[in-house]
Amino acid sequence: MSTPHKPLVILRPDPHPVERVFRPDTLARLHDLFTVVEPDSEYAFDRALPDAFAVVGQPDLPAERLARAGELRALLNIEGNFFPNVDYDGCFRRGVHVLGCGPAYAQAVAEYALGLALDLARGISREDRAFRAGRERYVSEGTADSVLLRGADIGLIGFGNLGRSLFPLLAPFRPTLRVYDPWLPPAVLREQGLVPATLDETLARSTFVFVLATVTDDSRRLLGERELALLPDGARLVLVSRAPVVDFPALLARVAEGRLLAGIDVWPDEPVAADEPARSLEGLVLSAHRAGGIPDAFLSIGDMVVDDLTLLARGLPPARMQAAARELVGRYRNRPVV
């Protein structure tokens, strides 16, 4: 199905429509360089698979299906999560590049996380609501619980794509940055001027905590009742990675007690139920999973895909998307995000 000079690419970008991810000129470049097939059924996908140089998307690729993809060189995930619907070990054994688009979202999420932290530091959205309701408090009356990011003790839970993107945004505030990340040796953090710390130390010594970790069996409910109790009174917690990392009932209980302020962008169940107690709980900044999925981020994915496919077609390694680590890709427990 492909021509000698145009390798075949299966484009199946679910859950995204093609136009959300590819600019018109980027899509035109993809079609110019490759034979592009957009299958409209499993039958059409299976027909194209034996000749496919690359698959863009994350369709089911168990071992028996992958075995029919004799020409496959790359699987490019543009959803943002690695689901257990792919024979990843088979991909690695065959030298198939497994690539993810996480870096495309990281900058957007990092900027949003900083915005939530500034809101929590100064009560911006809270006082906006009060003003609209005729309950505004002027000058020091409305700033009694305000704090500065400058020079603050800040903890990062996880230092992957999100942490690495947030780090330079926090640097101008000259904070003390403690990091808990069991997947990194302390030397990696120290080389960047960060303070490696245990989870307990990171929580107990931080005024601001950014929860940036992905979900694995080990990190599920990483922040439970015991861990949240370690936070100093008046601490600010920003949750922008994955909801299952935090014990939500314990988190909401601590906020309700007035011991903690939190900005939450991800939820255990989405959409959030209409009667969710968090909706009326003071001390929270609420957000409907909107930190990363902005147009600039989506469109950068298409650029990354075409750039890396072009390199692979030339016999060069990919340079823009994130290569999945064989040791880690099977550990993720993230759920689909639309």
Protein backbone atom coordinates (compact mmCIF):
# COMPACT_ATOMS: atom_id res chain seq x y z
CA MET A 1 0.00 0.00 0.00
CA SER A 2 2.99 2.32 0.42
CA THR A 3 5.26 3.54 -2.35
CA PRO A 4 9.04 2.93 -2.34
CA HIS A 5 9.69 6.57 -1.42
CA LYS A 6 6.72 7.19 0.85
CA PRO A 7 6.45 4.89 3.89
CA LEU A 8 2.93 4.10 5.04
CA VAL A 9 1.64 5.80 8.19
CA ILE A 10 -1.61 4.76 9.83
CA LEU A 11 -3.24 7.86 11.30
CA ARG A 12 -5.73 6.98 14.02
CA PRO A 13 -5.55 9.86 16.49
CA ASP A 14 -8.46 8.91 18.78
CA PRO A 15 -9.69 10.53 20.96
CA HIS A 16 -8.60 13.65 19.07
CA PRO A 17 -9.98 14.70 15.70
CA VAL A 18 -7.22 15.17 13.17
CA GLU A 19 -7.73 18.94 12.97
CA ARG A 20 -7.20 19.33 16.72
CA VAL A 21 -3.69 17.91 16.51
CA PHE A 22 -2.47 18.87 13.03
CA ARG A 23 -2.27 22.34 11.57
CA PRO A 24 -3.24 22.36 7.88
CA ASP A 25 0.36 22.89 6.79
CA THR A 26 1.62 20.19 9.16
CA LEU A 27 -0.94 17.73 7.87
CA ALA A 28 -0.01 18.63 4.31
CA ARG A 29 3.64 17.93 5.13
CA LEU A 30 2.69 14.55 6.57
CA HIS A 31 0.82 13.62 3.38
CA ASP A 32 3.66 14.91 1.24
CA LEU A 33 6.26 12.75 2.95
CA PHE A 34 4.22 9.63 3.69
CA THR A 35 1.40 7.51 2.40
CA VAL A 36 -1.23 8.26 5.02
CA VAL A 37 -4.10 5.86 5.75
CA GLU A 38 -6.96 6.85 8.06
CA PRO A 39 -8.83 3.59 8.67
CA ASP A 40 -12.52 3.89 9.43
CA SER A 41 -12.86 0.36 10.86
CA GLU A 42 -10.88 -2.39 12.53
CA TYR A 43 -10.95 -4.28 9.24
CA ALA A 44 -9.38 -1.33 7.41
CA PHE A 45 -6.79 -0.95 10.15
CA ASP A 46 -5.84 -4.63 9.95
CA ARG A 47 -5.53 -4.42 6.17
CA ALA A 48 -3.08 -1.53 6.40
CA LEU A 49 -1.09 -2.87 9.35
CA PRO A 50 1.28 -5.30 7.55
CA ASP A 51 2.72 -2.46 5.45
CA ALA A 52 2.71 0.22 8.15
CA PHE A 53 5.95 2.05 8.87
CA ALA A 54 4.30 3.85 11.81
CA VAL A 55 1.05 4.04 13.72
CA VAL A 56 -0.03 7.42 15.05
CA GLY A 57 -2.46 6.84 17.91
CA GLN A 58 -2.97 4.14 20.47
CA PRO A 59 -5.13 1.38 18.97
CA ASP A 60 -5.13 -2.10 20.49
CA LEU A 61 -1.88 -3.85 19.56
CA PRO A 62 -1.74 -7.13 21.45
CA ALA A 63 0.98 -9.63 20.57
CA GLU A 64 -0.97 -11.41 17.83
CA ARG A 65 -1.86 -8.15 16.09
CA LEU A 66 1.60 -6.70 16.47
CA ALA A 67 3.03 -9.85 14.88
CA ARG A 68 1.26 -8.90 11.63
CA ALA A 69 2.96 -5.49 11.57
CA GLY A 70 6.16 -6.68 9.99
CA GLU A 71 7.32 -3.26 8.77
CA LEU A 72 6.43 -1.30 11.89
CA ARG A 73 9.14 1.08 13.12
CA ALA A 74 7.25 3.41 15.45
CA LEU A 75 4.14 3.74 17.59
CA LEU A 76 3.42 7.40 18.32
CA ASN A 77 1.02 7.93 21.21
CA ILE A 78 -0.80 11.26 20.94
CA GLU A 79 -3.34 10.76 23.73
CA GLY A 80 -0.88 11.38 26.52
CA ASN A 81 -1.10 8.10 28.43
CA PHE A 82 0.37 4.67 27.81
CA PHE A 83 -2.48 2.21 28.23
CA PRO A 84 -2.04 -1.55 28.76
CA ASN A 85 -3.53 -2.30 25.34
CA VAL A 86 -0.18 -2.69 23.59
CA ASP A 87 2.41 -5.46 23.68
CA TYR A 88 5.17 -3.08 24.71
CA ASP A 89 7.67 -5.85 25.35
CA GLY A 90 7.08 -7.06 21.80
CA CYS A 91 7.68 -3.55 20.49
CA PHE A 92 10.97 -3.25 22.35
CA ARG A 93 12.15 -6.70 21.28
CA ARG A 94 11.57 -5.76 17.67
CA GLY A 95 13.13 -2.32 17.94
CA VAL A 96 9.85 -0.45 17.44
CA HIS A 97 10.08 3.08 18.83
CA VAL A 98 7.33 3.72 21.40
CA LEU A 99 6.91 7.49 21.64
CA GLY A 100 4.70 9.70 23.78
CA CYS A 101 3.51 13.28 23.55
CA GLY A 102 3.89 14.16 27.23
CA PRO A 103 6.35 17.01 26.58
CA ALA A 104 3.71 18.81 24.49
CA TYR A 105 1.47 19.20 27.53
CA ALA A 106 4.15 19.84 30.14
CA GLN A 107 4.67 23.57 29.56
CA ALA A 108 0.94 24.30 29.57
CA VAL A 109 0.42 22.33 32.78
CA ALA A 110 3.43 23.97 34.43
CA GLU A 111 2.19 27.49 33.69
CA TYR A 112 -1.26 26.59 34.97
CA ALA A 113 0.21 25.07 38.13
CA LEU A 114 2.10 28.30 38.79
CA GLY A 115 -1.14 30.23 38.30
CA LEU A 116 -2.93 28.03 40.83
CA ALA A 117 -0.09 28.52 43.31
CA LEU A 118 -0.25 32.31 42.96
CA ASP A 119 -4.02 32.19 43.44
CA LEU A 120 -3.63 30.08 46.58
CA ALA A 121 -0.90 32.40 47.85
CA ARG A 122 -2.98 35.55 47.52
CA GLY A 123 -6.65 34.46 47.50
CA ILE A 124 -7.26 35.94 44.05
CA SER A 125 -10.30 33.93 42.97
CA ARG A 126 -11.69 33.81 46.52
CA GLU A 127 -11.64 37.58 46.87
CA ASP A 128 -13.03 37.99 43.36
CA ARG A 129 -16.07 35.93 44.44
CA ALA A 130 -16.40 37.97 47.59
CA PHE A 131 -16.24 41.25 45.66
CA ARG A 132 -18.97 40.14 43.24
CA ALA A 133 -21.15 39.19 46.22
CA GLY A 134 -20.61 42.57 47.90
CA ARG A 135 -18.38 41.10 50.62
CA GLU A 136 -15.05 42.56 49.53
CA ARG A 137 -12.38 43.23 52.14
CA TYR A 138 -9.98 46.09 51.57
CA VAL A 139 -6.22 46.21 52.09
CA SER A 140 -4.96 44.22 55.08
CA GLU A 141 -8.43 42.98 56.01
CA GLY A 142 -8.39 40.70 52.98
CA THR A 143 -4.73 39.67 53.05
CA ALA A 144 -4.24 38.19 56.52
CA ASP A 145 -3.50 34.71 55.11
CA SER A 146 -1.49 35.85 52.08
CA VAL A 147 2.05 34.54 51.61
CA LEU A 148 4.87 35.04 49.13
CA LEU A 149 6.29 32.55 46.69
CA ARG A 150 9.59 34.42 46.88
CA GLY A 151 11.95 32.54 49.15
CA ALA A 152 9.29 29.97 50.01
CA ASP A 153 9.88 26.33 50.86
CA ILE A 154 8.42 24.45 47.90
CA GLY A 155 8.05 20.71 47.44
CA LEU A 156 7.71 18.87 44.14
CA ILE A 157 6.21 15.39 44.22
CA GLY A 158 7.67 13.95 41.03
CA PHE A 159 10.25 15.43 38.68
CA GLY A 160 9.29 14.16 35.25
CA ASN A 161 8.06 16.25 32.34
CA LEU A 162 5.88 18.44 34.56
CA GLY A 163 8.50 19.02 37.21
CA ARG A 164 11.18 19.86 34.67
CA SER A 165 8.86 22.39 33.00
CA LEU A 166 7.78 23.96 36.29
CA PHE A 167 11.30 24.29 37.70
CA PRO A 168 12.42 27.26 35.53
CA LEU A 169 9.11 29.04 36.18
CA LEU A 170 9.72 28.87 39.91
CA ALA A 171 13.41 29.81 39.74
CA PRO A 172 12.83 33.62 39.67
CA PHE A 173 11.12 33.34 43.07
CA ARG A 174 14.36 31.95 44.54
CA PRO A 175 12.65 29.27 46.61
CA THR A 176 14.13 26.30 48.40
CA LEU A 177 12.99 23.44 46.17
CA ARG A 178 12.76 19.97 47.69
CA VAL A 179 11.97 17.07 45.39
CA TYR A 180 10.67 13.61 46.09
CA ASP A 181 11.06 11.29 43.12
CA PRO A 182 11.99 7.65 43.79
CA TRP A 183 12.75 7.11 40.09
CA LEU A 184 15.71 9.51 40.16
CA PRO A 185 19.02 9.25 42.01
CA PRO A 186 19.71 12.22 44.31
CA ALA A 187 22.71 13.30 42.21
CA VAL A 188 20.44 14.10 39.26
CA LEU A 189 18.50 16.54 41.43
CA ARG A 190 21.51 18.05 43.17
CA GLU A 191 23.16 18.81 39.83
CA GLN A 192 20.23 21.10 39.05
CA GLY A 193 20.33 22.89 42.38
CA LEU A 194 17.41 20.95 43.86
CA VAL A 195 17.26 19.35 47.29
CA PRO A 196 16.55 15.60 47.19
CA ALA A 197 14.22 14.66 50.02
CA THR A 198 12.06 11.88 51.35
CA LEU A 199 8.32 12.16 50.90
CA ASP A 200 7.80 12.93 54.58
CA GLU A 201 10.48 15.63 54.60
CA THR A 202 9.15 17.19 51.40
CA LEU A 203 5.67 17.46 52.87
CA ALA A 204 6.65 18.53 56.39
CA ARG A 205 8.96 21.34 55.26
CA SER A 206 6.98 22.85 52.37
CA THR A 207 4.61 25.80 52.32
CA PHE A 208 3.72 24.96 48.72
CA VAL A 209 3.50 21.41 47.38
CA PHE A 210 3.03 20.61 43.70
CA VAL A 211 1.74 17.09 43.04
CA LEU A 212 3.23 16.17 39.66
CA ALA A 213 3.57 12.38 39.86
CA THR A 214 2.04 9.89 37.47
CA VAL A 215 -0.06 6.94 38.65
CA THR A 216 1.48 3.54 39.26
CA ASP A 217 0.58 0.80 41.70
CA ASP A 218 3.19 2.32 44.03
CA SER A 219 1.97 5.92 43.79
CA ARG A 220 -1.77 5.29 44.08
CA ARG A 221 -2.95 7.24 47.15
CA LEU A 222 0.65 8.22 47.79
CA LEU A 223 -0.70 11.19 49.73
CA GLY A 224 -3.05 9.67 52.26
CA GLU A 225 -4.33 10.85 55.61
CA ARG A 226 -0.98 10.31 57.34
CA GLU A 227 1.01 12.10 54.65
CA LEU A 228 -1.36 15.06 54.35
CA ALA A 229 -1.20 15.51 58.13
CA LEU A 230 2.52 16.20 57.76
CA LEU A 231 1.86 19.43 55.86
CA PRO A 232 2.24 22.59 57.94
CA ASP A 233 -0.96 24.41 58.80
CA GLY A 234 -1.74 26.89 56.05
CA ALA A 235 0.19 24.98 53.39
CA ARG A 236 -0.91 25.21 49.76
CA LEU A 237 -1.22 22.07 47.64
CA VAL A 238 -1.49 22.12 43.83
CA LEU A 239 -2.74 18.93 42.15
CA VAL A 240 -2.29 18.91 38.37
CA SER A 241 -1.05 15.41 37.55
CA ARG A 242 -3.34 12.47 38.34
CA ALA A 243 -6.14 12.30 40.91
CA PRO A 244 -5.43 8.76 42.22
CA VAL A 245 -2.10 9.96 43.64
CA VAL A 246 -4.10 11.65 46.42
CA ASP A 247 -6.63 10.28 48.89
CA PHE A 248 -9.42 12.73 48.01
CA PRO A 249 -11.61 12.26 51.12
CA ALA A 250 -8.57 12.90 53.31
CA LEU A 251 -7.58 15.93 51.24
CA LEU A 252 -11.05 17.48 51.37
CA ALA A 253 -11.34 16.80 55.09
CA ARG A 254 -8.10 18.66 55.77
CA VAL A 255 -9.27 21.60 53.64
CA ALA A 256 -12.64 21.63 55.45
CA GLU A 257 -10.78 21.84 58.77
CA GLY A 258 -9.05 24.98 57.56
CA ARG A 259 -5.61 23.35 57.79
CA LEU A 260 -4.84 23.37 54.06
CA LEU A 261 -5.60 25.29 50.87
CA ALA A 262 -5.61 23.41 47.57
CA GLY A 263 -5.91 23.98 43.84
CA ILE A 264 -7.30 20.91 42.07
CA ASP A 265 -7.39 20.34 38.32
CA VAL A 266 -7.85 16.55 38.24
CA TRP A 267 -10.61 14.50 39.87
CA PRO A 268 -11.26 10.84 40.69
CA ASP A 269 -14.37 10.86 38.51
CA GLU A 270 -14.85 13.22 35.60
CA PRO A 271 -17.13 14.95 34.96
CA VAL A 272 -17.47 15.75 38.64
CA ALA A 273 -20.88 14.99 40.13
CA ALA A 274 -23.24 17.92 40.65
CA ASP A 275 -23.46 17.16 44.38
CA GLU A 276 -19.69 16.84 44.89
CA PRO A 277 -18.95 18.48 48.29
CA ALA A 278 -15.84 20.13 46.90
CA ARG A 279 -18.01 22.50 44.87
CA SER A 280 -19.04 24.43 47.99
CA LEU A 281 -15.89 23.98 50.06
CA GLU A 282 -13.97 27.14 50.91
CA GLY A 283 -10.22 26.79 50.68
CA LEU A 284 -10.28 25.20 47.23
CA VAL A 285 -9.57 26.59 43.79
CA LEU A 286 -11.52 24.34 41.44
CA SER A 287 -10.59 23.53 37.87
CA ALA A 288 -12.13 21.11 35.38
CA HIS A 289 -9.05 19.26 34.07
CA ARG A 290 -8.04 22.13 31.82
CA ALA A 291 -4.37 22.66 32.62
CA GLY A 292 -2.78 20.91 29.67
CA GLY A 293 -5.32 20.52 26.88
CA ILE A 294 -5.05 23.93 25.23
CA PRO A 295 -4.87 24.53 21.46
CA ASP A 296 -1.16 25.36 21.46
CA ALA A 297 -0.36 22.09 23.22
CA PHE A 298 -2.54 19.98 20.92
CA LEU A 299 -1.09 21.51 17.77
CA SER A 300 2.47 21.07 18.97
CA ILE A 301 1.79 17.32 19.07
CA GLY A 302 1.24 17.23 15.32
CA ASP A 303 4.47 19.12 14.74
CA MET A 304 6.35 16.67 16.96
CA VAL A 305 4.83 13.68 15.17
CA VAL A 306 5.81 14.84 11.69
CA ASP A 307 9.29 15.92 12.78
CA ASP A 308 10.04 12.55 14.40
CA LEU A 309 8.51 10.52 11.57
CA THR A 310 10.71 12.44 9.15
CA LEU A 311 13.80 11.61 11.19
CA LEU A 312 12.85 7.94 11.47
CA ALA A 313 12.26 7.69 7.73
CA ARG A 314 15.83 8.96 7.25
CA GLY A 315 17.19 6.30 9.58
CA LEU A 316 17.74 8.75 12.44
CA PRO A 317 16.43 8.56 16.02
CA PRO A 318 13.39 10.62 17.07
CA ALA A 319 14.23 13.93 18.73
CA ARG A 320 11.00 15.59 19.83
CA MET A 321 8.62 13.05 21.34
CA GLN A 322 9.44 11.21 24.54
CA ALA A 323 10.75 7.69 24.17
CA ALA A 324 8.96 5.28 26.47
CA ALA A 325 11.24 3.56 28.95
CA ARG A 326 11.00 -0.21 28.72
CA GLU A 327 11.25 -0.47 32.51
CA LEU A 328 8.45 2.02 33.17
CA VAL A 329 5.85 1.93 30.41
CA GLY A 330 4.10 -1.11 31.85
CA ARG A 331 3.77 0.50 35.28
CA TYR A 332 1.50 3.39 34.34
CA ARG A 333 -2.10 3.24 35.53
CA ASN A 334 -3.46 6.43 33.98
CA ARG A 335 -6.94 6.60 32.53
CA PRO A 336 -8.01 8.04 29.18
CA VAL A 337 -8.43 11.81 29.01
CA VAL A 338 -10.49 13.40 26.25
